[in-house]
């Protein structure tokens, strides 16, 4: 499997952990002291960090740091929107579409030299 494909798969997994670490405590631990939520989030974030470092090392063999970052941002929004709607029960807003379109522009500008 090409390193870029492996890197993108690991980025998706990493972002799932990151999203849970950053936001799941708002639903699951909102009745606990903030320090408990922080410690649980750090525990989850450890797995995210381990995957992120591995992902960047693999991806950097074929992509620039800027390209890796833009891909990560697209994946972050792609993971966050379903998480916020399905898990946190936030309303789906048109603003997510506009943010996504801005990221499409960012992807274009970051990768246009490859085309």
N, C-alpha and C. Protein backbone atom coordinates (compact mmCIF):
# COMPACT_ATOMS: atom_id res chain seq x y z
N UNK A 1 0.84 -1.17 0.00
CA UNK A 1 0.00 0.00 0.00
C UNK A 1 0.89 1.24 0.00
N UNK A 2 0.58 2.25 -0.81
CA UNK A 2 1.41 3.46 -0.87
C UNK A 2 1.43 4.21 0.46
N UNK A 3 2.56 4.81 0.79
CA UNK A 3 2.67 5.55 2.06
C UNK A 3 1.61 6.63 2.23
N UNK A 4 1.21 7.28 1.15
CA UNK A 4 0.21 8.34 1.26
C UNK A 4 -1.13 7.76 1.72
N UNK A 5 -1.50 6.61 1.20
CA UNK A 5 -2.76 5.97 1.58
C UNK A 5 -2.71 5.54 3.05
N UNK A 6 -1.60 4.97 3.47
CA UNK A 6 -1.42 4.59 4.87
C UNK A 6 -1.50 5.82 5.76
N UNK A 7 -0.85 6.89 5.33
CA UNK A 7 -0.83 8.13 6.10
C UNK A 7 -2.24 8.70 6.26
N UNK A 8 -3.01 8.70 5.19
CA UNK A 8 -4.38 9.24 5.26
C UNK A 8 -5.24 8.37 6.18
N UNK A 9 -5.11 7.06 6.09
CA UNK A 9 -5.86 6.17 6.99
C UNK A 9 -5.52 6.41 8.45
N UNK A 10 -4.23 6.56 8.72
CA UNK A 10 -3.81 6.84 10.09
C UNK A 10 -4.27 8.22 10.55
N UNK A 11 -4.30 9.19 9.62
CA UNK A 11 -4.81 10.52 9.97
C UNK A 11 -6.28 10.47 10.37
N UNK A 12 -7.06 9.68 9.65
CA UNK A 12 -8.47 9.55 10.01
C UNK A 12 -8.60 8.96 11.42
N UNK A 13 -7.88 7.89 11.69
CA UNK A 13 -7.92 7.27 13.01
C UNK A 13 -7.44 8.24 14.09
N UNK A 14 -6.37 8.94 13.80
CA UNK A 14 -5.84 9.92 14.73
C UNK A 14 -6.87 11.00 15.04
N UNK A 15 -7.56 11.46 14.01
CA UNK A 15 -8.56 12.51 14.21
C UNK A 15 -9.78 12.04 14.98
N UNK A 16 -10.12 10.76 14.85
CA UNK A 16 -11.21 10.22 15.66
C UNK A 16 -10.83 10.31 17.14
N UNK A 17 -9.62 9.87 17.48
CA UNK A 17 -9.16 9.98 18.86
C UNK A 17 -9.10 11.43 19.31
N UNK A 18 -8.58 12.31 18.45
CA UNK A 18 -8.45 13.72 18.80
C UNK A 18 -9.82 14.33 19.08
N UNK A 19 -10.79 14.03 18.23
CA UNK A 19 -12.12 14.61 18.41
C UNK A 19 -12.76 14.13 19.71
N UNK A 20 -12.62 12.85 20.02
CA UNK A 20 -13.15 12.35 21.29
C UNK A 20 -12.40 12.99 22.47
N UNK A 21 -11.09 13.12 22.36
CA UNK A 21 -10.32 13.71 23.45
C UNK A 21 -10.74 15.16 23.70
N UNK A 22 -10.98 15.90 22.64
CA UNK A 22 -11.30 17.32 22.78
C UNK A 22 -12.74 17.59 23.16
N UNK A 23 -13.67 16.74 22.69
CA UNK A 23 -15.09 17.11 22.82
C UNK A 23 -15.99 16.12 23.55
N UNK A 24 -15.64 14.85 23.65
CA UNK A 24 -16.54 13.87 24.26
C UNK A 24 -16.82 14.17 25.73
N UNK A 25 -15.86 14.78 26.41
CA UNK A 25 -16.06 15.11 27.82
C UNK A 25 -17.20 16.09 28.03
N UNK A 26 -17.55 16.87 27.00
CA UNK A 26 -18.65 17.82 27.13
C UNK A 26 -19.97 17.09 27.35
N UNK A 27 -20.08 15.89 26.82
CA UNK A 27 -21.29 15.10 26.99
C UNK A 27 -21.15 14.09 28.13
N UNK A 28 -20.03 13.39 28.16
CA UNK A 28 -19.87 12.27 29.08
C UNK A 28 -19.39 12.66 30.48
N UNK A 29 -18.62 13.71 30.58
CA UNK A 29 -18.02 14.06 31.88
C UNK A 29 -18.41 15.46 32.35
N UNK A 30 -19.51 15.99 31.84
CA UNK A 30 -19.88 17.36 32.19
C UNK A 30 -20.27 17.51 33.67
N UNK A 31 -20.55 16.41 34.34
CA UNK A 31 -20.90 16.44 35.76
C UNK A 31 -19.67 16.22 36.67
N UNK A 32 -18.53 15.96 36.06
CA UNK A 32 -17.29 15.73 36.81
C UNK A 32 -16.47 17.02 36.87
N UNK A 33 -15.56 17.13 37.83
CA UNK A 33 -14.67 18.30 37.85
C UNK A 33 -13.84 18.38 36.56
N UNK A 34 -13.49 19.58 36.18
CA UNK A 34 -12.78 19.77 34.91
C UNK A 34 -11.45 19.02 34.88
N UNK A 35 -10.81 18.86 36.03
CA UNK A 35 -9.52 18.18 36.06
C UNK A 35 -9.68 16.70 35.69
N UNK A 36 -10.77 16.08 36.08
CA UNK A 36 -11.05 14.69 35.70
C UNK A 36 -11.22 14.61 34.18
N UNK A 37 -11.99 15.54 33.64
CA UNK A 37 -12.19 15.58 32.19
C UNK A 37 -10.86 15.79 31.47
N UNK A 38 -10.03 16.66 32.01
CA UNK A 38 -8.72 16.92 31.39
C UNK A 38 -7.84 15.68 31.40
N UNK A 39 -7.81 14.98 32.52
CA UNK A 39 -6.97 13.79 32.62
C UNK A 39 -7.46 12.67 31.70
N UNK A 40 -8.76 12.47 31.63
CA UNK A 40 -9.31 11.48 30.71
C UNK A 40 -9.00 11.87 29.27
N UNK A 41 -9.18 13.15 28.96
CA UNK A 41 -8.89 13.63 27.60
C UNK A 41 -7.41 13.45 27.25
N UNK A 42 -6.52 13.70 28.19
CA UNK A 42 -5.10 13.49 27.94
C UNK A 42 -4.79 12.03 27.67
N UNK A 43 -5.47 11.15 28.39
CA UNK A 43 -5.28 9.72 28.16
C UNK A 43 -5.69 9.32 26.75
N UNK A 44 -6.82 9.85 26.29
CA UNK A 44 -7.27 9.57 24.92
C UNK A 44 -6.31 10.23 23.92
N UNK A 45 -5.90 11.44 24.22
CA UNK A 45 -5.03 12.19 23.31
C UNK A 45 -3.67 11.54 23.14
N UNK A 46 -3.24 10.75 24.11
CA UNK A 46 -1.96 10.04 23.96
C UNK A 46 -1.99 9.15 22.73
N UNK A 47 -3.08 8.42 22.53
CA UNK A 47 -3.20 7.56 21.35
C UNK A 47 -3.23 8.40 20.07
N UNK A 48 -3.92 9.53 20.13
CA UNK A 48 -3.95 10.44 18.97
C UNK A 48 -2.55 10.91 18.63
N UNK A 49 -1.80 11.29 19.65
CA UNK A 49 -0.45 11.80 19.43
C UNK A 49 0.46 10.73 18.84
N UNK A 50 0.38 9.52 19.37
CA UNK A 50 1.20 8.43 18.86
C UNK A 50 0.90 8.18 17.38
N UNK A 51 -0.37 8.16 17.02
CA UNK A 51 -0.75 7.96 15.62
C UNK A 51 -0.33 9.14 14.75
N UNK A 52 -0.47 10.35 15.27
CA UNK A 52 -0.13 11.55 14.50
C UNK A 52 1.37 11.59 14.17
N UNK A 53 2.20 11.28 15.15
CA UNK A 53 3.64 11.28 14.90
C UNK A 53 4.01 10.23 13.85
N UNK A 54 3.47 9.03 13.98
CA UNK A 54 3.71 7.98 13.00
C UNK A 54 3.20 8.40 11.61
N UNK A 55 2.01 8.96 11.58
CA UNK A 55 1.42 9.42 10.32
C UNK A 55 2.30 10.44 9.63
N UNK A 56 2.75 11.43 10.36
CA UNK A 56 3.59 12.47 9.76
C UNK A 56 4.92 11.91 9.26
N UNK A 57 5.48 10.98 9.98
CA UNK A 57 6.74 10.37 9.52
C UNK A 57 6.54 9.59 8.23
N UNK A 58 5.44 8.85 8.15
CA UNK A 58 5.15 8.09 6.92
C UNK A 58 4.81 9.05 5.78
N UNK A 59 3.91 9.99 6.04
CA UNK A 59 3.45 10.92 5.00
C UNK A 59 4.54 11.84 4.48
N UNK A 60 5.47 12.22 5.36
CA UNK A 60 6.52 13.16 4.97
C UNK A 60 7.48 12.56 3.93
N UNK A 61 7.41 11.26 3.73
CA UNK A 61 8.25 10.64 2.71
C UNK A 61 7.79 11.01 1.30
N UNK A 62 6.52 11.45 1.17
CA UNK A 62 5.99 11.79 -0.15
C UNK A 62 5.27 13.12 -0.20
N UNK A 63 4.98 13.71 0.94
CA UNK A 63 4.24 14.97 0.99
C UNK A 63 5.03 16.01 1.77
N UNK A 64 4.78 17.27 1.48
CA UNK A 64 5.40 18.34 2.26
C UNK A 64 4.63 18.51 3.57
N UNK A 65 5.21 19.24 4.50
CA UNK A 65 4.55 19.50 5.77
C UNK A 65 3.24 20.27 5.54
N UNK A 66 3.26 21.23 4.64
CA UNK A 66 2.05 21.98 4.33
C UNK A 66 0.95 21.10 3.76
N UNK A 67 1.33 20.19 2.87
CA UNK A 67 0.35 19.26 2.30
C UNK A 67 -0.23 18.35 3.37
N UNK A 68 0.63 17.85 4.26
CA UNK A 68 0.15 17.02 5.36
C UNK A 68 -0.83 17.79 6.24
N UNK A 69 -0.51 19.04 6.51
CA UNK A 69 -1.37 19.85 7.39
C UNK A 69 -2.73 20.11 6.75
N UNK A 70 -2.75 20.43 5.47
CA UNK A 70 -4.03 20.68 4.79
C UNK A 70 -4.87 19.41 4.76
N UNK A 71 -4.26 18.27 4.46
CA UNK A 71 -4.98 17.00 4.48
C UNK A 71 -5.54 16.75 5.88
N UNK A 72 -4.75 17.03 6.90
CA UNK A 72 -5.20 16.84 8.28
C UNK A 72 -6.40 17.72 8.59
N UNK A 73 -6.40 18.95 8.12
CA UNK A 73 -7.52 19.86 8.38
C UNK A 73 -8.79 19.39 7.69
N UNK A 74 -8.67 18.89 6.47
CA UNK A 74 -9.83 18.36 5.75
C UNK A 74 -10.40 17.15 6.50
N UNK A 75 -9.51 16.28 6.94
CA UNK A 75 -9.95 15.10 7.69
C UNK A 75 -10.57 15.52 9.02
N UNK A 76 -9.99 16.51 9.68
CA UNK A 76 -10.55 16.99 10.95
C UNK A 76 -11.99 17.44 10.78
N UNK A 77 -12.27 18.24 9.76
CA UNK A 77 -13.63 18.69 9.53
C UNK A 77 -14.53 17.52 9.14
N UNK A 78 -14.01 16.59 8.37
CA UNK A 78 -14.78 15.42 7.94
C UNK A 78 -15.14 14.51 9.11
N UNK A 79 -14.31 14.48 10.13
CA UNK A 79 -14.59 13.69 11.33
C UNK A 79 -15.45 14.49 12.31
N UNK A 80 -15.16 15.78 12.43
CA UNK A 80 -15.84 16.61 13.43
C UNK A 80 -17.32 16.79 13.14
N UNK A 81 -17.67 17.04 11.89
CA UNK A 81 -19.08 17.32 11.56
C UNK A 81 -19.98 16.14 11.93
N UNK A 82 -19.69 14.92 11.46
CA UNK A 82 -20.55 13.81 11.89
C UNK A 82 -20.54 13.59 13.41
N UNK A 83 -19.38 13.78 14.04
CA UNK A 83 -19.28 13.63 15.50
C UNK A 83 -20.20 14.63 16.20
N UNK A 84 -20.13 15.88 15.79
CA UNK A 84 -20.92 16.90 16.48
C UNK A 84 -22.42 16.69 16.25
N UNK A 85 -22.79 16.24 15.07
CA UNK A 85 -24.21 16.03 14.76
C UNK A 85 -24.73 14.75 15.40
N UNK A 86 -24.01 13.65 15.24
CA UNK A 86 -24.52 12.35 15.70
C UNK A 86 -24.23 12.09 17.18
N UNK A 87 -23.06 12.48 17.67
CA UNK A 87 -22.69 12.17 19.05
C UNK A 87 -23.13 13.27 20.02
N UNK A 88 -22.82 14.51 19.68
CA UNK A 88 -23.18 15.62 20.57
C UNK A 88 -24.57 16.18 20.30
N UNK A 89 -25.22 15.70 19.24
CA UNK A 89 -26.58 16.13 18.88
C UNK A 89 -26.67 17.62 18.59
N UNK A 90 -25.60 18.17 18.02
CA UNK A 90 -25.60 19.56 17.58
C UNK A 90 -26.35 19.64 16.24
N UNK A 91 -26.97 20.79 15.96
CA UNK A 91 -27.66 20.90 14.67
C UNK A 91 -26.67 20.98 13.51
N UNK A 92 -27.03 20.39 12.41
CA UNK A 92 -26.20 20.49 11.19
C UNK A 92 -26.41 21.87 10.61
N UNK A 93 -25.33 22.61 10.42
CA UNK A 93 -25.42 23.98 9.94
C UNK A 93 -24.80 24.11 8.56
N UNK A 94 -25.31 25.03 7.82
CA UNK A 94 -24.78 25.31 6.49
C UNK A 94 -23.34 25.84 6.58
N UNK A 95 -22.98 26.37 7.73
CA UNK A 95 -21.62 26.88 7.93
C UNK A 95 -20.57 25.79 7.73
N UNK A 96 -20.91 24.54 8.04
CA UNK A 96 -19.98 23.45 7.80
C UNK A 96 -19.69 23.30 6.31
N UNK A 97 -20.69 23.50 5.49
CA UNK A 97 -20.49 23.43 4.04
C UNK A 97 -19.56 24.54 3.59
N UNK A 98 -19.78 25.75 4.08
CA UNK A 98 -18.93 26.88 3.67
C UNK A 98 -17.49 26.66 4.15
N UNK A 99 -17.33 26.14 5.36
CA UNK A 99 -15.98 25.84 5.86
C UNK A 99 -15.33 24.77 4.99
N UNK A 100 -16.10 23.76 4.61
CA UNK A 100 -15.58 22.71 3.73
C UNK A 100 -15.15 23.26 2.38
N UNK A 101 -15.94 24.17 1.84
CA UNK A 101 -15.57 24.78 0.55
C UNK A 101 -14.29 25.60 0.67
N UNK A 102 -14.12 26.26 1.79
CA UNK A 102 -12.85 26.99 2.01
C UNK A 102 -11.68 26.02 2.05
N UNK A 103 -11.89 24.86 2.66
CA UNK A 103 -10.82 23.86 2.71
C UNK A 103 -10.55 23.28 1.33
N UNK A 104 -11.58 23.15 0.50
CA UNK A 104 -11.35 22.72 -0.89
C UNK A 104 -10.43 23.71 -1.58
N UNK A 105 -10.65 25.00 -1.35
CA UNK A 105 -9.75 26.02 -1.90
C UNK A 105 -8.35 25.87 -1.36
N UNK A 106 -8.21 25.61 -0.08
CA UNK A 106 -6.89 25.42 0.52
C UNK A 106 -6.18 24.22 -0.08
N UNK A 107 -6.93 23.14 -0.30
CA UNK A 107 -6.35 21.94 -0.94
C UNK A 107 -5.88 22.28 -2.34
N UNK A 108 -6.69 23.01 -3.07
CA UNK A 108 -6.30 23.40 -4.43
C UNK A 108 -4.99 24.17 -4.43
N UNK A 109 -4.91 25.20 -3.60
CA UNK A 109 -3.70 26.01 -3.59
C UNK A 109 -2.47 25.26 -3.09
N UNK A 110 -2.67 24.34 -2.14
CA UNK A 110 -1.54 23.59 -1.60
C UNK A 110 -1.01 22.56 -2.59
N UNK A 111 -1.90 21.98 -3.39
CA UNK A 111 -1.51 20.88 -4.28
C UNK A 111 -1.42 21.29 -5.74
N UNK A 112 -1.69 22.53 -6.09
CA UNK A 112 -1.74 22.90 -7.51
C UNK A 112 -0.42 22.70 -8.24
N UNK A 113 0.70 22.78 -7.57
CA UNK A 113 1.98 22.59 -8.24
C UNK A 113 2.19 21.13 -8.65
N UNK A 114 1.46 20.22 -8.04
CA UNK A 114 1.57 18.79 -8.39
C UNK A 114 0.82 18.46 -9.68
N UNK A 115 -0.07 19.36 -10.07
CA UNK A 115 -0.87 19.10 -11.27
C UNK A 115 -0.23 19.79 -12.44
